[in-house]
PDB file of N, CA and C in Angstrom:
ATOM      1  N   UNK A   1       8.732 -34.309 -21.101  1.00  0.00           N
ATOM      2  CA  UNK A   1       9.591 -33.602 -20.181  1.00  0.00           C
ATOM      3  C   UNK A   1       9.404 -32.098 -20.317  1.00  0.00           C
ATOM      4  N   UNK A   2       9.196 -31.581 -21.484  1.00  0.00           N
ATOM      5  CA  UNK A   2       8.813 -30.180 -21.658  1.00  0.00           C
ATOM      6  C   UNK A   2       9.931 -29.199 -21.367  1.00  0.00           C
ATOM      7  N   UNK A   3       9.530 -28.019 -20.904  1.00  0.00           N
ATOM      8  CA  UNK A   3      10.457 -26.906 -20.697  1.00  0.00           C
ATOM      9  C   UNK A   3      10.724 -26.686 -19.217  1.00  0.00           C
ATOM     10  N   UNK A   4      10.940 -27.753 -18.492  1.00  0.00           N
ATOM     11  CA  UNK A   4      11.188 -27.623 -17.066  1.00  0.00           C
ATOM     12  C   UNK A   4      12.561 -27.013 -16.834  1.00  0.00           C
ATOM     13  N   UNK A   5      12.623 -26.064 -15.926  1.00  0.00           N
ATOM     14  CA  UNK A   5      13.897 -25.460 -15.574  1.00  0.00           C
ATOM     15  C   UNK A   5      14.370 -24.387 -16.529  1.00  0.00           C
ATOM     16  N   UNK A   6      13.625 -24.096 -17.567  1.00  0.00           N
ATOM     17  CA  UNK A   6      14.037 -23.063 -18.511  1.00  0.00           C
ATOM     18  C   UNK A   6      13.394 -21.755 -18.092  1.00  0.00           C
ATOM     19  N   UNK A   7      14.207 -20.728 -17.975  1.00  0.00           N
ATOM     20  CA  UNK A   7      13.705 -19.417 -17.576  1.00  0.00           C
ATOM     21  C   UNK A   7      13.407 -18.573 -18.804  1.00  0.00           C
ATOM     22  N   UNK A   8      12.418 -17.726 -18.658  1.00  0.00           N
ATOM     23  CA  UNK A   8      12.141 -16.766 -19.726  1.00  0.00           C
ATOM     24  C   UNK A   8      13.288 -15.774 -19.772  1.00  0.00           C
ATOM     25  N   UNK A   9      13.806 -15.508 -20.916  1.00  0.00           N
ATOM     26  CA  UNK A   9      14.886 -14.545 -21.043  1.00  0.00           C
ATOM     27  C   UNK A   9      16.261 -15.178 -21.076  1.00  0.00           C
ATOM     28  N   UNK A  10      16.353 -16.462 -21.032  1.00  0.00           N
ATOM     29  CA  UNK A  10      17.642 -17.119 -21.166  1.00  0.00           C
ATOM     30  C   UNK A  10      18.433 -17.156 -19.877  1.00  0.00           C
ATOM     31  N   UNK A  11      19.768 -17.098 -20.028  1.00  0.00           N
ATOM     32  CA  UNK A  11      20.670 -17.259 -18.895  1.00  0.00           C
ATOM     33  C   UNK A  11      21.108 -15.936 -18.277  1.00  0.00           C
ATOM     34  N   UNK A  12      20.523 -14.838 -18.681  1.00  0.00           N
ATOM     35  CA  UNK A  12      20.949 -13.550 -18.152  1.00  0.00           C
ATOM     36  C   UNK A  12      20.659 -13.473 -16.663  1.00  0.00           C
ATOM     37  N   UNK A  13      21.579 -12.869 -15.960  1.00  0.00           N
ATOM     38  CA  UNK A  13      21.375 -12.665 -14.533  1.00  0.00           C
ATOM     39  C   UNK A  13      20.401 -11.514 -14.321  1.00  0.00           C
ATOM     40  N   UNK A  14      19.792 -11.510 -13.151  1.00  0.00           N
ATOM     41  CA  UNK A  14      18.838 -10.453 -12.820  1.00  0.00           C
ATOM     42  C   UNK A  14      19.562  -9.110 -12.788  1.00  0.00           C
ATOM     43  N   UNK A  15      19.026  -8.132 -13.522  1.00  0.00           N
ATOM     44  CA  UNK A  15      19.578  -6.794 -13.497  1.00  0.00           C
ATOM     45  C   UNK A  15      20.610  -6.512 -14.573  1.00  0.00           C
ATOM     46  N   UNK A  16      20.951  -7.495 -15.410  1.00  0.00           N
ATOM     47  CA  UNK A  16      21.940  -7.252 -16.455  1.00  0.00           C
ATOM     48  C   UNK A  16      21.480  -6.178 -17.432  1.00  0.00           C
ATOM     49  N   UNK A  17      20.189  -6.107 -17.691  1.00  0.00           N
ATOM     50  CA  UNK A  17      19.679  -5.168 -18.682  1.00  0.00           C
ATOM     51  C   UNK A  17      19.706  -3.735 -18.170  1.00  0.00           C
ATOM     52  N   UNK A  18      19.813  -3.528 -16.876  1.00  0.00           N
ATOM     53  CA  UNK A  18      19.750  -2.179 -16.327  1.00  0.00           C
ATOM     54  C   UNK A  18      21.090  -1.747 -15.747  1.00  0.00           C
ATOM     55  N   UNK A  19      22.166  -2.212 -16.315  1.00  0.00           N
ATOM     56  CA  UNK A  19      23.468  -1.800 -15.821  1.00  0.00           C
ATOM     57  C   UNK A  19      23.752  -0.382 -16.269  1.00  0.00           C
ATOM     58  N   UNK A  20      24.549   0.282 -15.513  1.00  0.00           N
ATOM     59  CA  UNK A  20      24.939   1.651 -15.801  1.00  0.00           C
ATOM     60  C   UNK A  20      25.522   2.226 -14.533  1.00  0.00           C
ATOM     61  N   UNK A  21      26.104   3.390 -14.674  1.00  0.00           N
ATOM     62  CA  UNK A  21      26.675   3.964 -13.466  1.00  0.00           C
ATOM     63  C   UNK A  21      25.574   4.514 -12.575  1.00  0.00           C
ATOM     64  N   UNK A  22      25.945   4.854 -11.375  1.00  0.00           N
ATOM     65  CA  UNK A  22      24.965   5.269 -10.377  1.00  0.00           C
ATOM     66  C   UNK A  22      24.239   6.537 -10.800  1.00  0.00           C
ATOM     67  N   UNK A  23      24.924   7.441 -11.479  1.00  0.00           N
ATOM     68  CA  UNK A  23      24.302   8.711 -11.866  1.00  0.00           C
ATOM     69  C   UNK A  23      23.251   8.523 -12.950  1.00  0.00           C
ATOM     70  N   UNK A  24      23.499   7.602 -13.880  1.00  0.00           N
ATOM     71  CA  UNK A  24      22.487   7.365 -14.915  1.00  0.00           C
ATOM     72  C   UNK A  24      21.258   6.692 -14.321  1.00  0.00           C
ATOM     73  N   UNK A  25      21.458   5.824 -13.327  1.00  0.00           N
ATOM     74  CA  UNK A  25      20.310   5.188 -12.675  1.00  0.00           C
ATOM     75  C   UNK A  25      19.511   6.194 -11.847  1.00  0.00           C
ATOM     76  N   UNK A  26      20.205   7.121 -11.193  1.00  0.00           N
ATOM     77  CA  UNK A  26      19.504   8.166 -10.436  1.00  0.00           C
ATOM     78  C   UNK A  26      18.731   9.071 -11.384  1.00  0.00           C
ATOM     79  N   UNK A  27      19.346   9.436 -12.508  1.00  0.00           N
ATOM     80  CA  UNK A  27      18.660  10.286 -13.485  1.00  0.00           C
ATOM     81  C   UNK A  27      17.431   9.580 -14.047  1.00  0.00           C
ATOM     82  N   UNK A  28      17.545   8.285 -14.318  1.00  0.00           N
ATOM     83  CA  UNK A  28      16.394   7.515 -14.800  1.00  0.00           C
ATOM     84  C   UNK A  28      15.284   7.507 -13.756  1.00  0.00           C
ATOM     85  N   UNK A  29      15.656   7.318 -12.502  1.00  0.00           N
ATOM     86  CA  UNK A  29      14.664   7.320 -11.424  1.00  0.00           C
ATOM     87  C   UNK A  29      13.944   8.664 -11.347  1.00  0.00           C
ATOM     88  N   UNK A  30      14.695   9.752 -11.416  1.00  0.00           N
ATOM     89  CA  UNK A  30      14.091  11.086 -11.341  1.00  0.00           C
ATOM     90  C   UNK A  30      13.161  11.311 -12.526  1.00  0.00           C
ATOM     91  N   UNK A  31      13.569  10.902 -13.721  1.00  0.00           N
ATOM     92  CA  UNK A  31      12.698  11.050 -14.899  1.00  0.00           C
ATOM     93  C   UNK A  31      11.416  10.247 -14.730  1.00  0.00           C
ATOM     94  N   UNK A  32      11.519   9.045 -14.183  1.00  0.00           N
ATOM     95  CA  UNK A  32      10.325   8.221 -13.971  1.00  0.00           C
ATOM     96  C   UNK A  32       9.406   8.831 -12.916  1.00  0.00           C
ATOM     97  N   UNK A  33       9.979   9.405 -11.874  1.00  0.00           N
ATOM     98  CA  UNK A  33       9.168  10.056 -10.840  1.00  0.00           C
ATOM     99  C   UNK A  33       8.424  11.242 -11.428  1.00  0.00           C
ATOM    100  N   UNK A  34       9.106  12.054 -12.223  1.00  0.00           N
ATOM    101  CA  UNK A  34       8.467  13.216 -12.848  1.00  0.00           C
ATOM    102  C   UNK A  34       7.360  12.766 -13.790  1.00  0.00           C
ATOM    103  N   UNK A  35       7.601  11.703 -14.553  1.00  0.00           N
ATOM    104  CA  UNK A  35       6.573  11.195 -15.468  1.00  0.00           C
ATOM    105  C   UNK A  35       5.347  10.719 -14.698  1.00  0.00           C
ATOM    106  N   UNK A  36       5.546  10.063 -13.558  1.00  0.00           N
ATOM    107  CA  UNK A  36       4.407   9.610 -12.757  1.00  0.00           C
ATOM    108  C   UNK A  36       3.672  10.784 -12.130  1.00  0.00           C
ATOM    109  N   UNK A  37       4.403  11.804 -11.698  1.00  0.00           N
ATOM    110  CA  UNK A  37       3.755  12.963 -11.086  1.00  0.00           C
ATOM    111  C   UNK A  37       2.921  13.750 -12.091  1.00  0.00           C
ATOM    112  N   UNK A  38       3.273  13.666 -13.366  1.00  0.00           N
ATOM    113  CA  UNK A  38       2.475  14.341 -14.394  1.00  0.00           C
ATOM    114  C   UNK A  38       1.120  13.676 -14.572  1.00  0.00           C
ATOM    115  N   UNK A  39       0.989  12.420 -14.136  1.00  0.00           N
ATOM    116  CA  UNK A  39      -0.271  11.690 -14.264  1.00  0.00           C
ATOM    117  C   UNK A  39      -1.244  12.000 -13.128  1.00  0.00           C
ATOM    118  N   UNK A  40      -0.779  12.673 -12.087  1.00  0.00           N
ATOM    119  CA  UNK A  40      -1.610  12.947 -10.918  1.00  0.00           C
ATOM    120  C   UNK A  40      -2.696  13.948 -11.280  1.00  0.00           C
ATOM    121  N   UNK A  41      -3.928  13.644 -10.856  1.00  0.00           N
ATOM    122  CA  UNK A  41      -5.065  14.517 -11.125  1.00  0.00           C
ATOM    123  C   UNK A  41      -5.583  15.033  -9.790  1.00  0.00           C
ATOM    124  N   UNK A  42      -5.727  16.349  -9.673  1.00  0.00           N
ATOM    125  CA  UNK A  42      -6.256  16.941  -8.452  1.00  0.00           C
ATOM    126  C   UNK A  42      -7.766  16.758  -8.421  1.00  0.00           C
ATOM    127  N   UNK A  43      -8.307  16.254  -7.315  1.00  0.00           N
ATOM    128  CA  UNK A  43      -9.760  16.051  -7.260  1.00  0.00           C
ATOM    129  C   UNK A  43     -10.507  17.385  -7.215  1.00  0.00           C
ATOM    130  N   UNK A  44     -11.735  17.362  -7.713  1.00  0.00           N
ATOM    131  CA  UNK A  44     -12.572  18.555  -7.639  1.00  0.00           C
ATOM    132  C   UNK A  44     -13.017  18.755  -6.194  1.00  0.00           C
ATOM    133  N   UNK A  45     -13.620  19.899  -5.930  1.00  0.00           N
ATOM    134  CA  UNK A  45     -14.064  20.197  -4.566  1.00  0.00           C
ATOM    135  C   UNK A  45     -15.092  19.175  -4.080  1.00  0.00           C
ATOM    136  N   UNK A  46     -16.035  18.823  -4.937  1.00  0.00           N
ATOM    137  CA  UNK A  46     -17.066  17.862  -4.521  1.00  0.00           C
ATOM    138  C   UNK A  46     -16.465  16.474  -4.292  1.00  0.00           C
ATOM    139  N   UNK A  47     -15.511  16.070  -5.131  1.00  0.00           N
ATOM    140  CA  UNK A  47     -14.844  14.783  -4.919  1.00  0.00           C
ATOM    141  C   UNK A  47     -14.076  14.785  -3.601  1.00  0.00           C
ATOM    142  N   UNK A  48     -13.404  15.895  -3.321  1.00  0.00           N
ATOM    143  CA  UNK A  48     -12.628  16.000  -2.088  1.00  0.00           C
ATOM    144  C   UNK A  48     -13.530  15.904  -0.864  1.00  0.00           C
ATOM    145  N   UNK A  49     -14.683  16.565  -0.920  1.00  0.00           N
ATOM    146  CA  UNK A  49     -15.636  16.495   0.189  1.00  0.00           C
ATOM    147  C   UNK A  49     -16.155  15.065   0.348  1.00  0.00           C
ATOM    148  N   UNK A  50     -16.454  14.415  -0.776  1.00  0.00           N
ATOM    149  CA  UNK A  50     -16.935  13.031  -0.725  1.00  0.00           C
ATOM    150  C   UNK A  50     -15.881  12.105  -0.130  1.00  0.00           C
ATOM    151  N   UNK A  51     -14.653  12.214  -0.600  1.00  0.00           N
ATOM    152  CA  UNK A  51     -13.579  11.355  -0.096  1.00  0.00           C
ATOM    153  C   UNK A  51     -13.348  11.585   1.395  1.00  0.00           C
ATOM    154  N   UNK A  52     -13.350  12.845   1.804  1.00  0.00           N
ATOM    155  CA  UNK A  52     -13.136  13.169   3.213  1.00  0.00           C
ATOM    156  C   UNK A  52     -14.251  12.598   4.076  1.00  0.00           C
ATOM    157  N   UNK A  53     -15.494  12.729   3.611  1.00  0.00           N
ATOM    158  CA  UNK A  53     -16.635  12.191   4.353  1.00  0.00           C
ATOM    159  C   UNK A  53     -16.534  10.678   4.482  1.00  0.00           C
ATOM    160  N   UNK A  54     -16.185  10.011   3.402  1.00  0.00           N
ATOM    161  CA  UNK A  54     -16.057   8.549   3.430  1.00  0.00           C
ATOM    162  C   UNK A  54     -14.982   8.132   4.431  1.00  0.00           C
ATOM    163  N   UNK A  55     -13.865   8.812   4.428  1.00  0.00           N
ATOM    164  CA  UNK A  55     -12.777   8.464   5.349  1.00  0.00           C
ATOM    165  C   UNK A  55     -13.203   8.691   6.795  1.00  0.00           C
ATOM    166  N   UNK A  56     -13.843   9.826   7.077  1.00  0.00           N
ATOM    167  CA  UNK A  56     -14.261  10.116   8.447  1.00  0.00           C
ATOM    168  C   UNK A  56     -15.302   9.115   8.944  1.00  0.00           C
ATOM    169  N   UNK A  57     -16.251   8.751   8.084  1.00  0.00           N
ATOM    170  CA  UNK A  57     -17.259   7.761   8.474  1.00  0.00           C
ATOM    171  C   UNK A  57     -16.599   6.409   8.720  1.00  0.00           C
ATOM    172  N   UNK A  58     -15.692   6.016   7.849  1.00  0.00           N
ATOM    173  CA  UNK A  58     -14.997   4.740   8.020  1.00  0.00           C
ATOM    174  C   UNK A  58     -14.205   4.721   9.323  1.00  0.00           C
ATOM    175  N   UNK A  59     -13.497   5.803   9.617  1.00  0.00           N
ATOM    176  CA  UNK A  59     -12.720   5.876  10.858  1.00  0.00           C
ATOM    177  C   UNK A  59     -13.646   5.792  12.067  1.00  0.00           C
ATOM    178  N   UNK A  60     -14.787   6.472  12.016  1.00  0.00           N
ATOM    179  CA  UNK A  60     -15.742   6.420  13.129  1.00  0.00           C
ATOM    180  C   UNK A  60     -16.276   5.003  13.329  1.00  0.00           C
ATOM    181  N   UNK A  61     -16.577   4.306  12.240  1.00  0.00           N
ATOM    182  CA  UNK A  61     -17.079   2.931  12.338  1.00  0.00           C
ATOM    183  C   UNK A  61     -16.015   2.014  12.931  1.00  0.00           C
ATOM    184  N   UNK A  62     -14.793   2.150  12.484  1.00  0.00           N
ATOM    185  CA  UNK A  62     -13.712   1.306  13.013  1.00  0.00           C
ATOM    186  C   UNK A  62     -13.466   1.623  14.488  1.00  0.00           C
ATOM    187  N   UNK A  63     -13.519   2.913  14.850  1.00  0.00           N
ATOM    188  CA  UNK A  63     -13.358   3.278  16.265  1.00  0.00           C
ATOM    189  C   UNK A  63     -14.454   2.649  17.120  1.00  0.00           C
ATOM    190  N   UNK A  64     -15.683   2.697  16.643  1.00  0.00           N
ATOM    191  CA  UNK A  64     -16.796   2.105  17.390  1.00  0.00           C
ATOM    192  C   UNK A  64     -16.605   0.596  17.527  1.00  0.00           C
ATOM    193  N   UNK A  65     -16.193  -0.060  16.453  1.00  0.00           N
ATOM    194  CA  UNK A  65     -15.964  -1.504  16.485  1.00  0.00           C
ATOM    195  C   UNK A  65     -14.874  -1.865  17.489  1.00  0.00           C
ATOM    196  N   UNK A  66     -13.765  -1.132  17.454  1.00  0.00           N
ATOM    197  CA  UNK A  66     -12.656  -1.413  18.370  1.00  0.00           C
ATOM    198  C   UNK A  66     -13.076  -1.137  19.810  1.00  0.00           C
ATOM    199  N   UNK A  67     -13.865  -0.088  20.028  1.00  0.00           N
ATOM    200  CA  UNK A  67     -14.341   0.222  21.376  1.00  0.00           C
ATOM    201  C   UNK A  67     -15.207  -0.905  21.918  1.00  0.00           C
ATOM    202  N   UNK A  68     -16.150  -1.379  21.107  1.00  0.00           N
ATOM    203  CA  UNK A  68     -17.025  -2.478  21.530  1.00  0.00           C
ATOM    204  C   UNK A  68     -16.211  -3.742  21.774  1.00  0.00           C
ATOM    205  N   UNK A  69     -15.277  -4.030  20.884  1.00  0.00           N
ATOM    206  CA  UNK A  69     -14.426  -5.206  21.038  1.00  0.00           C
ATOM    207  C   UNK A  69     -13.594  -5.107  22.317  1.00  0.00           C
ATOM    208  N   UNK A  70     -13.019  -3.944  22.580  1.00  0.00           N
ATOM    209  CA  UNK A  70     -12.215  -3.731  23.778  1.00  0.00           C
ATOM    210  C   UNK A  70     -13.064  -3.903  25.036  1.00  0.00           C
ATOM    211  N   UNK A  71     -14.244  -3.315  25.031  1.00  0.00           N
ATOM    212  CA  UNK A  71     -15.134  -3.442  26.186  1.00  0.00           C
ATOM    213  C   UNK A  71     -15.532  -4.902  26.405  1.00  0.00           C
ATOM    214  N   UNK A  72     -15.865  -5.590  25.322  1.00  0.00           N
ATOM    215  CA  UNK A  72     -16.263  -6.993  25.424  1.00  0.00           C
ATOM    216  C   UNK A  72     -15.152  -7.875  25.944  1.00  0.00           C
ATOM    217  N   UNK A  73     -13.957  -7.692  25.422  1.00  0.00           N
ATOM    218  CA  UNK A  73     -12.820  -8.496  25.884  1.00  0.00           C
ATOM    219  C   UNK A  73     -12.500  -8.164  27.336  1.00  0.00           C
ATOM    220  N   UNK A  74     -12.599  -6.888  27.701  1.00  0.00           N
ATOM    221  CA  UNK A  74     -12.365  -6.496  29.097  1.00  0.00           C
ATOM    222  C   UNK A  74     -13.354  -7.151  30.036  1.00  0.00           C
ATOM    223  N   UNK A  75     -14.621  -7.176  29.647  1.00  0.00           N
ATOM    224  CA  UNK A  75     -15.641  -7.821  30.478  1.00  0.00           C
ATOM    225  C   UNK A  75     -15.407  -9.325  30.562  1.00  0.00           C
ATOM    226  N   UNK A  76     -14.993  -9.937  29.460  1.00  0.00           N
ATOM    227  CA  UNK A  76     -14.709 -11.374  29.463  1.00  0.00           C
ATOM    228  C   UNK A  76     -13.543 -11.697  30.386  1.00  0.00           C
ATOM    229  N   UNK A  77     -12.513 -10.868  30.362  1.00  0.00           N
ATOM    230  CA  UNK A  77     -11.361 -11.088  31.243  1.00  0.00           C
ATOM    231  C   UNK A  77     -11.786 -10.949  32.699  1.00  0.00           C
ATOM    232  N   UNK A  78     -12.593  -9.935  32.997  1.00  0.00           N
ATOM    233  CA  UNK A  78     -13.074  -9.771  34.372  1.00  0.00           C
ATOM    234  C   UNK A  78     -13.932 -10.957  34.800  1.00  0.00           C
ATOM    235  N   UNK A  79     -14.739 -11.474  33.900  1.00  0.00           N
ATOM    236  CA  UNK A  79     -15.601 -12.613  34.222  1.00  0.00           C
ATOM    237  C   UNK A  79     -14.774 -13.874  34.483  1.00  0.00           C
ATOM    238  N   UNK A  80     -13.734 -14.092  33.621  1.00  0.00           N
ATOM    239  CA  UNK A  80     -12.908 -15.297  33.751  1.00  0.00           C
ATOM    240  C   UNK A  80     -12.043 -15.231  35.008  1.00  0.00           C
ATOM    241  N   UNK A  81     -11.386 -14.113  35.240  1.00  0.00           N
ATOM    242  CA  UNK A  81     -10.437 -14.014  36.345  1.00  0.00           C
ATOM    243  C   UNK A  81     -11.044 -13.395  37.596  1.00  0.00           C
ATOM    244  N   UNK A  82     -12.275 -12.978  37.508  1.00  0.00           N
ATOM    245  CA  UNK A  82     -12.946 -12.374  38.663  1.00  0.00           C
ATOM    246  C   UNK A  82     -12.440 -10.964  38.910  1.00  0.00           C
ATOM    247  N   UNK A  83     -13.267 -10.157  39.403  1.00  0.00           N
ATOM    248  CA  UNK A  83     -12.763  -8.816  39.627  1.00  0.00           C
ATOM    249  C   UNK A  83     -13.801  -7.905  39.952  1.00  0.00           C
TER     250      UNK A  83
END
């Protein structure tokens, strides 16, 4: 029969470990946001140029694909319904 129906952590309800008043939870959130922002690394100029180029090329490819798809579907609709 095993451990069917047994939850990890016992019978505690969800969120019991993080109880506190609203101000302490807001302060914790702000501290966590600041800690995450300290991990952010600004890309170098060459990385920024590379990333920008990749994004622009990807957008151009997707635009071309959607244009071809739109034209093809439009032609198919005209062929099916006449026009």
